[in-house]
Amino acid sequence: MRNKNITYSLASALGMVLYISGVAWMMNNGEKLFGNPKGVGGPIAFLMLFVFSATITSSLMFGYPIYQFLQGKKIEAFKSFGWNLGFLAVFTALALILLIMI
């Protein structure tokens, strides 16, 4: 079970990194892609993207641990969440190191 937790956690953290990178790229190039929004369209789109992003990332972070918890595998659920958080912390540290080096 441990290898399965590690594999799911690594895949989940990589999924978050890819999703966050895509959203960051889109936000960085938003004016080129969508032009300069007029009125309340820009803030509404941003808030909708924010809520959508919170939903996607929380399902990636908590989906499998909640599934395990509901299956009665409480210890495995907490371990899976810990691995998830650990991998995300490592990827965050690597991103910060990369930003410092560039």
PDB file of N, CA and C in Angstrom:
ATOM      1  N   MET A   1       0.833  -1.201   0.000  1.00  0.00           N
ATOM      2  CA  MET A   1       0.000   0.000   0.000  1.00  0.00           C
ATOM      3  C   MET A   1       0.869   1.254   0.000  1.00  0.00           C
ATOM      4  N   ARG A   2       2.044   1.173   0.599  1.00  0.00           N
ATOM      5  CA  ARG A   2       2.889   2.362   0.699  1.00  0.00           C
ATOM      6  C   ARG A   2       3.300   2.859  -0.679  1.00  0.00           C
ATOM      7  N   ASN A   3       3.694   1.922  -1.562  1.00  0.00           N
ATOM      8  CA  ASN A   3       4.105   2.338  -2.907  1.00  0.00           C
ATOM      9  C   ASN A   3       2.955   2.972  -3.668  1.00  0.00           C
ATOM     10  N   LYS A   4       1.742   2.466  -3.458  1.00  0.00           N
ATOM     11  CA  LYS A   4       0.580   3.036  -4.130  1.00  0.00           C
ATOM     12  C   LYS A   4       0.335   4.461  -3.627  1.00  0.00           C
ATOM     13  N   ASN A   5       0.468   4.681  -2.308  1.00  0.00           N
ATOM     14  CA  ASN A   5       0.311   6.026  -1.755  1.00  0.00           C
ATOM     15  C   ASN A   5       1.349   6.975  -2.333  1.00  0.00           C
ATOM     16  N   ILE A   6       2.577   6.521  -2.409  1.00  0.00           N
ATOM     17  CA  ILE A   6       3.650   7.373  -2.934  1.00  0.00           C
ATOM     18  C   ILE A   6       3.405   7.687  -4.412  1.00  0.00           C
ATOM     19  N   THR A   7       3.003   6.684  -5.181  1.00  0.00           N
ATOM     20  CA  THR A   7       2.757   6.886  -6.609  1.00  0.00           C
ATOM     21  C   THR A   7       1.610   7.863  -6.835  1.00  0.00           C
ATOM     22  N   TYR A   8       0.488   7.652  -6.125  1.00  0.00           N
ATOM     23  CA  TYR A   8      -0.642   8.570  -6.269  1.00  0.00           C
ATOM     24  C   TYR A   8      -0.277   9.981  -5.815  1.00  0.00           C
ATOM     25  N   SER A   9       0.472  10.081  -4.743  1.00  0.00           N
ATOM     26  CA  SER A   9       0.852  11.399  -4.230  1.00  0.00           C
ATOM     27  C   SER A   9       1.779  12.120  -5.189  1.00  0.00           C
ATOM     28  N   LEU A  10       2.729  11.402  -5.749  1.00  0.00           N
ATOM     29  CA  LEU A  10       3.641  12.009  -6.721  1.00  0.00           C
ATOM     30  C   LEU A  10       2.876  12.461  -7.964  1.00  0.00           C
ATOM     31  N   ALA A  11       1.977  11.612  -8.453  1.00  0.00           N
ATOM     32  CA  ALA A  11       1.180  11.983  -9.625  1.00  0.00           C
ATOM     33  C   ALA A  11       0.288  13.187  -9.322  1.00  0.00           C
ATOM     34  N   SER A  12      -0.270  13.228  -8.145  1.00  0.00           N
ATOM     35  CA  SER A  12      -1.121  14.341  -7.753  1.00  0.00           C
ATOM     36  C   SER A  12      -0.323  15.634  -7.668  1.00  0.00           C
ATOM     37  N   ALA A  13       0.843  15.585  -7.044  1.00  0.00           N
ATOM     38  CA  ALA A  13       1.679  16.779  -6.928  1.00  0.00           C
ATOM     39  C   ALA A  13       2.164  17.247  -8.302  1.00  0.00           C
ATOM     40  N   LEU A  14       2.519  16.300  -9.171  1.00  0.00           N
ATOM     41  CA  LEU A  14       2.922  16.678 -10.532  1.00  0.00           C
ATOM     42  C   LEU A  14       1.757  17.288 -11.297  1.00  0.00           C
ATOM     43  N   GLY A  15       0.569  16.751 -11.088  1.00  0.00           N
ATOM     44  CA  GLY A  15      -0.616  17.330 -11.706  1.00  0.00           C
ATOM     45  C   GLY A  15      -0.848  18.760 -11.258  1.00  0.00           C
ATOM     46  N   MET A  16      -0.632  19.011  -9.966  1.00  0.00           N
ATOM     47  CA  MET A  16      -0.783  20.380  -9.467  1.00  0.00           C
ATOM     48  C   MET A  16       0.260  21.300 -10.072  1.00  0.00           C
ATOM     49  N   VAL A  17       1.490  20.817 -10.178  1.00  0.00           N
ATOM     50  CA  VAL A  17       2.557  21.634 -10.763  1.00  0.00           C
ATOM     51  C   VAL A  17       2.216  21.980 -12.212  1.00  0.00           C
ATOM     52  N   LEU A  18       1.750  20.996 -12.974  1.00  0.00           N
ATOM     53  CA  LEU A  18       1.388  21.250 -14.366  1.00  0.00           C
ATOM     54  C   LEU A  18       0.209  22.215 -14.468  1.00  0.00           C
ATOM     55  N   TYR A  19      -0.798  22.014 -13.646  1.00  0.00           N
ATOM     56  CA  TYR A  19      -1.966  22.896 -13.688  1.00  0.00           C
ATOM     57  C   TYR A  19      -1.579  24.326 -13.290  1.00  0.00           C
ATOM     58  N   ILE A  20      -0.820  24.467 -12.220  1.00  0.00           N
ATOM     59  CA  ILE A  20      -0.408  25.790 -11.751  1.00  0.00           C
ATOM     60  C   ILE A  20       0.474  26.471 -12.798  1.00  0.00           C
ATOM     61  N   SER A  21       1.356  25.707 -13.428  1.00  0.00           N
ATOM     62  CA  SER A  21       2.208  26.276 -14.484  1.00  0.00           C
ATOM     63  C   SER A  21       1.371  26.767 -15.652  1.00  0.00           C
ATOM     64  N   GLY A  22       0.363  25.991 -16.031  1.00  0.00           N
ATOM     65  CA  GLY A  22      -0.510  26.394 -17.132  1.00  0.00           C
ATOM     66  C   GLY A  22      -1.299  27.653 -16.810  1.00  0.00           C
ATOM     67  N   VAL A  23      -1.836  27.736 -15.603  1.00  0.00           N
ATOM     68  CA  VAL A  23      -2.596  28.919 -15.197  1.00  0.00           C
ATOM     69  C   VAL A  23      -1.665  30.133 -15.112  1.00  0.00           C
ATOM     70  N   ALA A  24      -0.464  29.940 -14.571  1.00  0.00           N
ATOM     71  CA  ALA A  24       0.488  31.047 -14.481  1.00  0.00           C
ATOM     72  C   ALA A  24       0.876  31.537 -15.875  1.00  0.00           C
ATOM     73  N   TRP A  25       1.081  30.613 -16.807  1.00  0.00           N
ATOM     74  CA  TRP A  25       1.402  31.011 -18.179  1.00  0.00           C
ATOM     75  C   TRP A  25       0.252  31.793 -18.781  1.00  0.00           C
ATOM     76  N   MET A  26      -0.986  31.294 -18.566  1.00  0.00           N
ATOM     77  CA  MET A  26      -2.149  31.975 -19.119  1.00  0.00           C
ATOM     78  C   MET A  26      -2.305  33.370 -18.519  1.00  0.00           C
ATOM     79  N   MET A  27      -2.085  33.503 -17.216  1.00  0.00           N
ATOM     80  CA  MET A  27      -2.201  34.820 -16.585  1.00  0.00           C
ATOM     81  C   MET A  27      -1.103  35.765 -17.070  1.00  0.00           C
ATOM     82  N   ASN A  28       0.076  35.224 -17.295  1.00  0.00           N
ATOM     83  CA  ASN A  28       1.195  36.037 -17.763  1.00  0.00           C
ATOM     84  C   ASN A  28       0.963  36.527 -19.192  1.00  0.00           C
ATOM     85  N   ASN A  29       0.287  35.741 -19.992  1.00  0.00           N
ATOM     86  CA  ASN A  29       0.030  36.091 -21.391  1.00  0.00           C
ATOM     87  C   ASN A  29      -1.430  36.457 -21.630  1.00  0.00           C
ATOM     88  N   GLY A  30      -2.151  36.787 -20.589  1.00  0.00           N
ATOM     89  CA  GLY A  30      -3.581  37.045 -20.689  1.00  0.00           C
ATOM     90  C   GLY A  30      -3.939  38.181 -21.618  1.00  0.00           C
ATOM     91  N   GLU A  31      -3.183  39.251 -21.572  1.00  0.00           N
ATOM     92  CA  GLU A  31      -3.492  40.399 -22.422  1.00  0.00           C
ATOM     93  C   GLU A  31      -3.280  40.060 -23.891  1.00  0.00           C
ATOM     94  N   LYS A  32      -2.250  39.271 -24.183  1.00  0.00           N
ATOM     95  CA  LYS A  32      -2.017  38.849 -25.563  1.00  0.00           C
ATOM     96  C   LYS A  32      -3.121  37.907 -26.033  1.00  0.00           C
ATOM     97  N   LEU A  33      -3.569  37.022 -25.138  1.00  0.00           N
ATOM     98  CA  LEU A  33      -4.573  36.028 -25.517  1.00  0.00           C
ATOM     99  C   LEU A  33      -5.981  36.603 -25.605  1.00  0.00           C
ATOM    100  N   PHE A  34      -6.347  37.438 -24.631  1.00  0.00           N
ATOM    101  CA  PHE A  34      -7.729  37.888 -24.514  1.00  0.00           C
ATOM    102  C   PHE A  34      -7.918  39.385 -24.743  1.00  0.00           C
ATOM    103  N   GLY A  35      -6.843  40.109 -24.910  1.00  0.00           N
ATOM    104  CA  GLY A  35      -6.948  41.559 -25.047  1.00  0.00           C
ATOM    105  C   GLY A  35      -7.129  42.212 -23.692  1.00  0.00           C
ATOM    106  N   ASN A  36      -7.382  43.503 -23.701  1.00  0.00           N
ATOM    107  CA  ASN A  36      -7.572  44.249 -22.462  1.00  0.00           C
ATOM    108  C   ASN A  36      -9.072  44.302 -22.151  1.00  0.00           C
ATOM    109  N   PRO A  37      -9.527  43.604 -21.107  1.00  0.00           N
ATOM    110  CA  PRO A  37     -10.969  43.565 -20.830  1.00  0.00           C
ATOM    111  C   PRO A  37     -11.490  44.922 -20.358  1.00  0.00           C
ATOM    112  N   LYS A  38     -12.701  45.194 -20.752  1.00  0.00           N
ATOM    113  CA  LYS A  38     -13.336  46.448 -20.344  1.00  0.00           C
ATOM    114  C   LYS A  38     -14.484  46.132 -19.393  1.00  0.00           C
ATOM    115  N   GLY A  39     -14.688  46.975 -18.426  1.00  0.00           N
ATOM    116  CA  GLY A  39     -15.785  46.775 -17.478  1.00  0.00           C
ATOM    117  C   GLY A  39     -15.457  45.710 -16.448  1.00  0.00           C
ATOM    118  N   VAL A  40     -16.478  44.974 -16.064  1.00  0.00           N
ATOM    119  CA  VAL A  40     -16.310  43.988 -14.998  1.00  0.00           C
ATOM    120  C   VAL A  40     -15.932  42.609 -15.528  1.00  0.00           C
ATOM    121  N   GLY A  41     -15.763  42.472 -16.836  1.00  0.00           N
ATOM    122  CA  GLY A  41     -15.445  41.169 -17.423  1.00  0.00           C
ATOM    123  C   GLY A  41     -14.142  40.574 -16.907  1.00  0.00           C
ATOM    124  N   GLY A  42     -13.117  41.407 -16.800  1.00  0.00           N
ATOM    125  CA  GLY A  42     -11.820  40.922 -16.318  1.00  0.00           C
ATOM    126  C   GLY A  42     -11.869  40.406 -14.893  1.00  0.00           C
ATOM    127  N   PRO A  43     -12.382  41.201 -13.947  1.00  0.00           N
ATOM    128  CA  PRO A  43     -12.470  40.706 -12.570  1.00  0.00           C
ATOM    129  C   PRO A  43     -13.362  39.468 -12.428  1.00  0.00           C
ATOM    130  N   ILE A  44     -14.446  39.420 -13.193  1.00  0.00           N
ATOM    131  CA  ILE A  44     -15.325  38.244 -13.117  1.00  0.00           C
ATOM    132  C   ILE A  44     -14.583  37.005 -13.623  1.00  0.00           C
ATOM    133  N   ALA A  45     -13.889  37.133 -14.734  1.00  0.00           N
ATOM    134  CA  ALA A  45     -13.124  36.000 -15.277  1.00  0.00           C
ATOM    135  C   ALA A  45     -12.039  35.558 -14.301  1.00  0.00           C
ATOM    136  N   PHE A  46     -11.360  36.527 -13.687  1.00  0.00           N
ATOM    137  CA  PHE A  46     -10.313  36.186 -12.726  1.00  0.00           C
ATOM    138  C   PHE A  46     -10.889  35.430 -11.529  1.00  0.00           C
ATOM    139  N   LEU A  47     -11.989  35.910 -10.985  1.00  0.00           N
ATOM    140  CA  LEU A  47     -12.587  35.243  -9.826  1.00  0.00           C
ATOM    141  C   LEU A  47     -13.119  33.854 -10.180  1.00  0.00           C
ATOM    142  N   MET A  48     -13.677  33.719 -11.378  1.00  0.00           N
ATOM    143  CA  MET A  48     -14.136  32.396 -11.800  1.00  0.00           C
ATOM    144  C   MET A  48     -12.958  31.437 -11.954  1.00  0.00           C
ATOM    145  N   LEU A  49     -11.859  31.921 -12.520  1.00  0.00           N
ATOM    146  CA  LEU A  49     -10.656  31.098 -12.636  1.00  0.00           C
ATOM    147  C   LEU A  49     -10.117  30.739 -11.254  1.00  0.00           C
ATOM    148  N   PHE A  50     -10.177  31.678 -10.329  1.00  0.00           N
ATOM    149  CA  PHE A  50      -9.710  31.437  -8.961  1.00  0.00           C
ATOM    150  C   PHE A  50     -10.512  30.321  -8.299  1.00  0.00           C
ATOM    151  N   VAL A  51     -11.830  30.382  -8.410  1.00  0.00           N
ATOM    152  CA  VAL A  51     -12.686  29.349  -7.810  1.00  0.00           C
ATOM    153  C   VAL A  51     -12.466  28.005  -8.501  1.00  0.00           C
ATOM    154  N   PHE A  52     -12.373  28.017  -9.820  1.00  0.00           N
ATOM    155  CA  PHE A  52     -12.120  26.791 -10.572  1.00  0.00           C
ATOM    156  C   PHE A  52     -10.777  26.182 -10.169  1.00  0.00           C
ATOM    157  N   SER A  53      -9.751  27.018 -10.021  1.00  0.00           N
ATOM    158  CA  SER A  53      -8.426  26.543  -9.628  1.00  0.00           C
ATOM    159  C   SER A  53      -8.437  25.955  -8.230  1.00  0.00           C
ATOM    160  N   ALA A  54      -9.167  26.589  -7.329  1.00  0.00           N
ATOM    161  CA  ALA A  54      -9.272  26.046  -5.967  1.00  0.00           C
ATOM    162  C   ALA A  54      -9.922  24.672  -5.981  1.00  0.00           C
ATOM    163  N   THR A  55     -10.919  24.494  -6.823  1.00  0.00           N
ATOM    164  CA  THR A  55     -11.594  23.203  -6.929  1.00  0.00           C
ATOM    165  C   THR A  55     -10.664  22.134  -7.493  1.00  0.00           C
ATOM    166  N   ILE A  56      -9.963  22.463  -8.565  1.00  0.00           N
ATOM    167  CA  ILE A  56      -9.055  21.496  -9.198  1.00  0.00           C
ATOM    168  C   ILE A  56      -7.930  21.105  -8.248  1.00  0.00           C
ATOM    169  N   THR A  57      -7.256  22.098  -7.665  1.00  0.00           N
ATOM    170  CA  THR A  57      -6.113  21.781  -6.809  1.00  0.00           C
ATOM    171  C   THR A  57      -6.533  21.077  -5.522  1.00  0.00           C
ATOM    172  N   SER A  58      -7.692  21.425  -4.974  1.00  0.00           N
ATOM    173  CA  SER A  58      -8.121  20.726  -3.755  1.00  0.00           C
ATOM    174  C   SER A  58      -8.515  19.292  -4.066  1.00  0.00           C
ATOM    175  N   SER A  59      -9.101  19.052  -5.234  1.00  0.00           N
ATOM    176  CA  SER A  59      -9.424  17.665  -5.570  1.00  0.00           C
ATOM    177  C   SER A  59      -8.155  16.855  -5.822  1.00  0.00           C
ATOM    178  N   LEU A  60      -7.137  17.484  -6.410  1.00  0.00           N
ATOM    179  CA  LEU A  60      -5.867  16.781  -6.591  1.00  0.00           C
ATOM    180  C   LEU A  60      -5.182  16.509  -5.252  1.00  0.00           C
ATOM    181  N   MET A  61      -5.256  17.462  -4.339  1.00  0.00           N
ATOM    182  CA  MET A  61      -4.574  17.326  -3.058  1.00  0.00           C
ATOM    183  C   MET A  61      -5.309  16.387  -2.096  1.00  0.00           C
ATOM    184  N   PHE A  62      -6.634  16.514  -2.057  1.00  0.00           N
ATOM    185  CA  PHE A  62      -7.392  15.787  -1.041  1.00  0.00           C
ATOM    186  C   PHE A  62      -8.209  14.616  -1.578  1.00  0.00           C
ATOM    187  N   GLY A  63      -8.311  14.457  -2.891  1.00  0.00           N
ATOM    188  CA  GLY A  63      -9.185  13.438  -3.458  1.00  0.00           C
ATOM    189  C   GLY A  63      -8.881  12.024  -2.993  1.00  0.00           C
ATOM    190  N   TYR A  64      -7.673  11.550  -3.222  1.00  0.00           N
ATOM    191  CA  TYR A  64      -7.326  10.177  -2.843  1.00  0.00           C
ATOM    192  C   TYR A  64      -7.281   9.985  -1.328  1.00  0.00           C
ATOM    193  N   PRO A  65      -6.717  10.918  -0.557  1.00  0.00           N
ATOM    194  CA  PRO A  65      -6.774  10.736   0.897  1.00  0.00           C
ATOM    195  C   PRO A  65      -8.203  10.678   1.446  1.00  0.00           C
ATOM    196  N   ILE A  66      -9.113  11.481   0.902  1.00  0.00           N
ATOM    197  CA  ILE A  66     -10.505  11.425   1.365  1.00  0.00           C
ATOM    198  C   ILE A  66     -11.124  10.086   0.979  1.00  0.00           C
ATOM    199  N   TYR A  67     -10.832   9.618  -0.226  1.00  0.00           N
ATOM    200  CA  TYR A  67     -11.326   8.308  -0.648  1.00  0.00           C
ATOM    201  C   TYR A  67     -10.840   7.224   0.318  1.00  0.00           C
ATOM    202  N   GLN A  68      -9.554   7.250   0.655  1.00  0.00           N
ATOM    203  CA  GLN A  68      -9.022   6.261   1.596  1.00  0.00           C
ATOM    204  C   GLN A  68      -9.687   6.391   2.955  1.00  0.00           C
ATOM    205  N   PHE A  69      -9.865   7.603   3.425  1.00  0.00           N
ATOM    206  CA  PHE A  69     -10.481   7.833   4.725  1.00  0.00           C
ATOM    207  C   PHE A  69     -11.903   7.277   4.753  1.00  0.00           C
ATOM    208  N   LEU A  70     -12.659   7.496   3.696  1.00  0.00           N
ATOM    209  CA  LEU A  70     -14.029   7.002   3.633  1.00  0.00           C
ATOM    210  C   LEU A  70     -14.090   5.480   3.492  1.00  0.00           C
ATOM    211  N   GLN A  71     -13.011   4.876   3.011  1.00  0.00           N
ATOM    212  CA  GLN A  71     -12.931   3.419   2.922  1.00  0.00           C
ATOM    213  C   GLN A  71     -12.497   2.790   4.243  1.00  0.00           C
ATOM    214  N   GLY A  72     -12.274   3.619   5.262  1.00  0.00           N
ATOM    215  CA  GLY A  72     -11.860   3.126   6.570  1.00  0.00           C
ATOM    216  C   GLY A  72     -10.356   3.000   6.738  1.00  0.00           C
ATOM    217  N   LYS A  73      -9.587   3.427   5.777  1.00  0.00           N
ATOM    218  CA  LYS A  73      -8.122   3.358   5.836  1.00  0.00           C
ATOM    219  C   LYS A  73      -7.589   4.700   6.324  1.00  0.00           C
ATOM    220  N   LYS A  74      -7.855   4.996   7.578  1.00  0.00           N
ATOM    221  CA  LYS A  74      -7.560   6.329   8.101  1.00  0.00           C
ATOM    222  C   LYS A  74      -6.064   6.616   8.179  1.00  0.00           C
ATOM    223  N   ILE A  75      -5.292   5.664   8.623  1.00  0.00           N
ATOM    224  CA  ILE A  75      -3.842   5.890   8.735  1.00  0.00           C
ATOM    225  C   ILE A  75      -3.227   6.078   7.351  1.00  0.00           C
ATOM    226  N   GLU A  76      -3.646   5.236   6.392  1.00  0.00           N
ATOM    227  CA  GLU A  76      -3.137   5.379   5.027  1.00  0.00           C
ATOM    228  C   GLU A  76      -3.540   6.725   4.428  1.00  0.00           C
ATOM    229  N   ALA A  77      -4.741   7.193   4.781  1.00  0.00           N
ATOM    230  CA  ALA A  77      -5.203   8.489   4.267  1.00  0.00           C
ATOM    231  C   ALA A  77      -4.299   9.613   4.753  1.00  0.00           C
ATOM    232  N   PHE A  78      -3.958   9.601   6.022  1.00  0.00           N
ATOM    233  CA  PHE A  78      -3.082  10.650   6.550  1.00  0.00           C
ATOM    234  C   PHE A  78      -1.669  10.528   5.987  1.00  0.00           C
ATOM    235  N   LYS A  79      -1.212   9.292   5.793  1.00  0.00           N
ATOM    236  CA  LYS A  79       0.104   9.111   5.180  1.00  0.00           C
ATOM    237  C   LYS A  79       0.102   9.614   3.735  1.00  0.00           C
ATOM    238  N   SER A  80      -0.959   9.309   3.008  1.00  0.00           N
ATOM    239  CA  SER A  80      -1.070   9.757   1.631  1.00  0.00           C
ATOM    240  C   SER A  80      -1.087  11.286   1.554  1.00  0.00           C
ATOM    241  N   PHE A  81      -1.834  11.913   2.450  1.00  0.00           N
ATOM    242  CA  PHE A  81      -1.855  13.375   2.493  1.00  0.00           C
ATOM    243  C   PHE A  81      -0.463  13.923   2.812  1.00  0.00           C
ATOM    244  N   GLY A  82       0.234  13.278   3.737  1.00  0.00           N
ATOM    245  CA  GLY A  82       1.590  13.708   4.078  1.00  0.00           C
ATOM    246  C   GLY A  82       2.541  13.608   2.896  1.00  0.00           C
ATOM    247  N   TRP A  83       2.465  12.495   2.158  1.00  0.00           N
ATOM    248  CA  TRP A  83       3.301  12.351   0.960  1.00  0.00           C
ATOM    249  C   TRP A  83       2.955  13.422  -0.063  1.00  0.00           C
ATOM    250  N   ASN A  84       1.669  13.654  -0.231  1.00  0.00           N
ATOM    251  CA  ASN A  84       1.205  14.682  -1.155  1.00  0.00           C
ATOM    252  C   ASN A  84       1.794  16.042  -0.800  1.00  0.00           C
ATOM    253  N   LEU A  85       1.667  16.396   0.448  1.00  0.00           N
ATOM    254  CA  LEU A  85       2.178  17.676   0.931  1.00  0.00           C
ATOM    255  C   LEU A  85       3.694  17.743   0.806  1.00  0.00           C
ATOM    256  N   GLY A  86       4.363  16.645   1.090  1.00  0.00           N
ATOM    257  CA  GLY A  86       5.821  16.595   0.979  1.00  0.00           C
ATOM    258  C   GLY A  86       6.305  16.796  -0.446  1.00  0.00           C
ATOM    259  N   PHE A  87       5.673  16.077  -1.387  1.00  0.00           N
ATOM    260  CA  PHE A  87       6.061  16.243  -2.788  1.00  0.00           C
ATOM    261  C   PHE A  87       5.792  17.667  -3.269  1.00  0.00           C
ATOM    262  N   LEU A  88       4.664  18.223  -2.859  1.00  0.00           N
ATOM    263  CA  LEU A  88       4.351  19.597  -3.256  1.00  0.00           C
ATOM    264  C   LEU A  88       5.367  20.581  -2.668  1.00  0.00           C
ATOM    265  N   ALA A  89       5.796  20.347  -1.434  1.00  0.00           N
ATOM    266  CA  ALA A  89       6.810  21.201  -0.812  1.00  0.00           C
ATOM    267  C   ALA A  89       8.136  21.106  -1.569  1.00  0.00           C
ATOM    268  N   VAL A  90       8.511  19.900  -1.990  1.00  0.00           N
ATOM    269  CA  VAL A  90       9.756  19.722  -2.750  1.00  0.00           C
ATOM    270  C   VAL A  90       9.667  20.455  -4.085  1.00  0.00           C
ATOM    271  N   PHE A  91       8.539  20.312  -4.780  1.00  0.00           N
ATOM    272  CA  PHE A  91       8.381  20.996  -6.067  1.00  0.00           C
ATOM    273  C   PHE A  91       8.360  22.514  -5.889  1.00  0.00           C
ATOM    274  N   THR A  92       7.764  22.976  -4.806  1.00  0.00           N
ATOM    275  CA  THR A  92       7.753  24.411  -4.528  1.00  0.00           C
ATOM    276  C   THR A  92       9.173  24.911  -4.268  1.00  0.00           C
ATOM    277  N   ALA A  93       9.935  24.160  -3.473  1.00  0.00           N
ATOM    278  CA  ALA A  93      11.319  24.545  -3.195  1.00  0.00           C
ATOM    279  C   ALA A  93      12.141  24.559  -4.477  1.00  0.00           C
ATOM    280  N   LEU A  94      11.943  23.562  -5.342  1.00  0.00           N
ATOM    281  CA  LEU A  94      12.668  23.533  -6.615  1.00  0.00           C
ATOM    282  C   LEU A  94      12.299  24.724  -7.493  1.00  0.00           C
ATOM    283  N   ALA A  95      11.026  25.106  -7.500  1.00  0.00           N
ATOM    284  CA  ALA A  95      10.602  26.265  -8.286  1.00  0.00           C
ATOM    285  C   ALA A  95      11.233  27.548  -7.749  1.00  0.00           C
ATOM    286  N   LEU A  96      11.280  27.690  -6.425  1.00  0.00           N
ATOM    287  CA  LEU A  96      11.896  28.878  -5.832  1.00  0.00           C
ATOM    288  C   LEU A  96      13.396  28.930  -6.110  1.00  0.00           C
ATOM    289  N   ILE A  97      14.057  27.789  -6.030  1.00  0.00           N
ATOM    290  CA  ILE A  97      15.494  27.736  -6.347  1.00  0.00           C
ATOM    291  C   ILE A  97      15.719  28.111  -7.810  1.00  0.00           C
ATOM    292  N   LEU A  98      14.848  27.603  -8.696  1.00  0.00           N
ATOM    293  CA  LEU A  98      14.962  27.932 -10.110  1.00  0.00           C
ATOM    294  C   LEU A  98      14.766  29.438 -10.341  1.00  0.00           C
ATOM    295  N   LEU A  99      13.816  30.041  -9.640  1.00  0.00           N
ATOM    296  CA  LEU A  99      13.607  31.487  -9.774  1.00  0.00           C
ATOM    297  C   LEU A  99      14.815  32.282  -9.295  1.00  0.00           C
ATOM    298  N   ILE A 100      15.427  31.831  -8.220  1.00  0.00           N
ATOM    299  CA  ILE A 100      16.607  32.525  -7.705  1.00  0.00           C
ATOM    300  C   ILE A 100      17.778  32.414  -8.680  1.00  0.00           C
ATOM    301  N   MET A 101      17.910  31.252  -9.301  1.00  0.00           N
ATOM    302  CA  MET A 101      19.038  31.030 -10.220  1.00  0.00           C
ATOM    303  C   MET A 101      18.872  31.787 -11.530  1.00  0.00           C
ATOM    304  N   ILE A 102      17.657  32.059 -11.937  1.00  0.00           N
ATOM    305  CA  ILE A 102      17.441  32.722 -13.241  1.00  0.00           C
ATOM    306  C   ILE A 102      17.604  34.223 -13.102  1.00  0.00           C
TER     307      ILE A 102
END
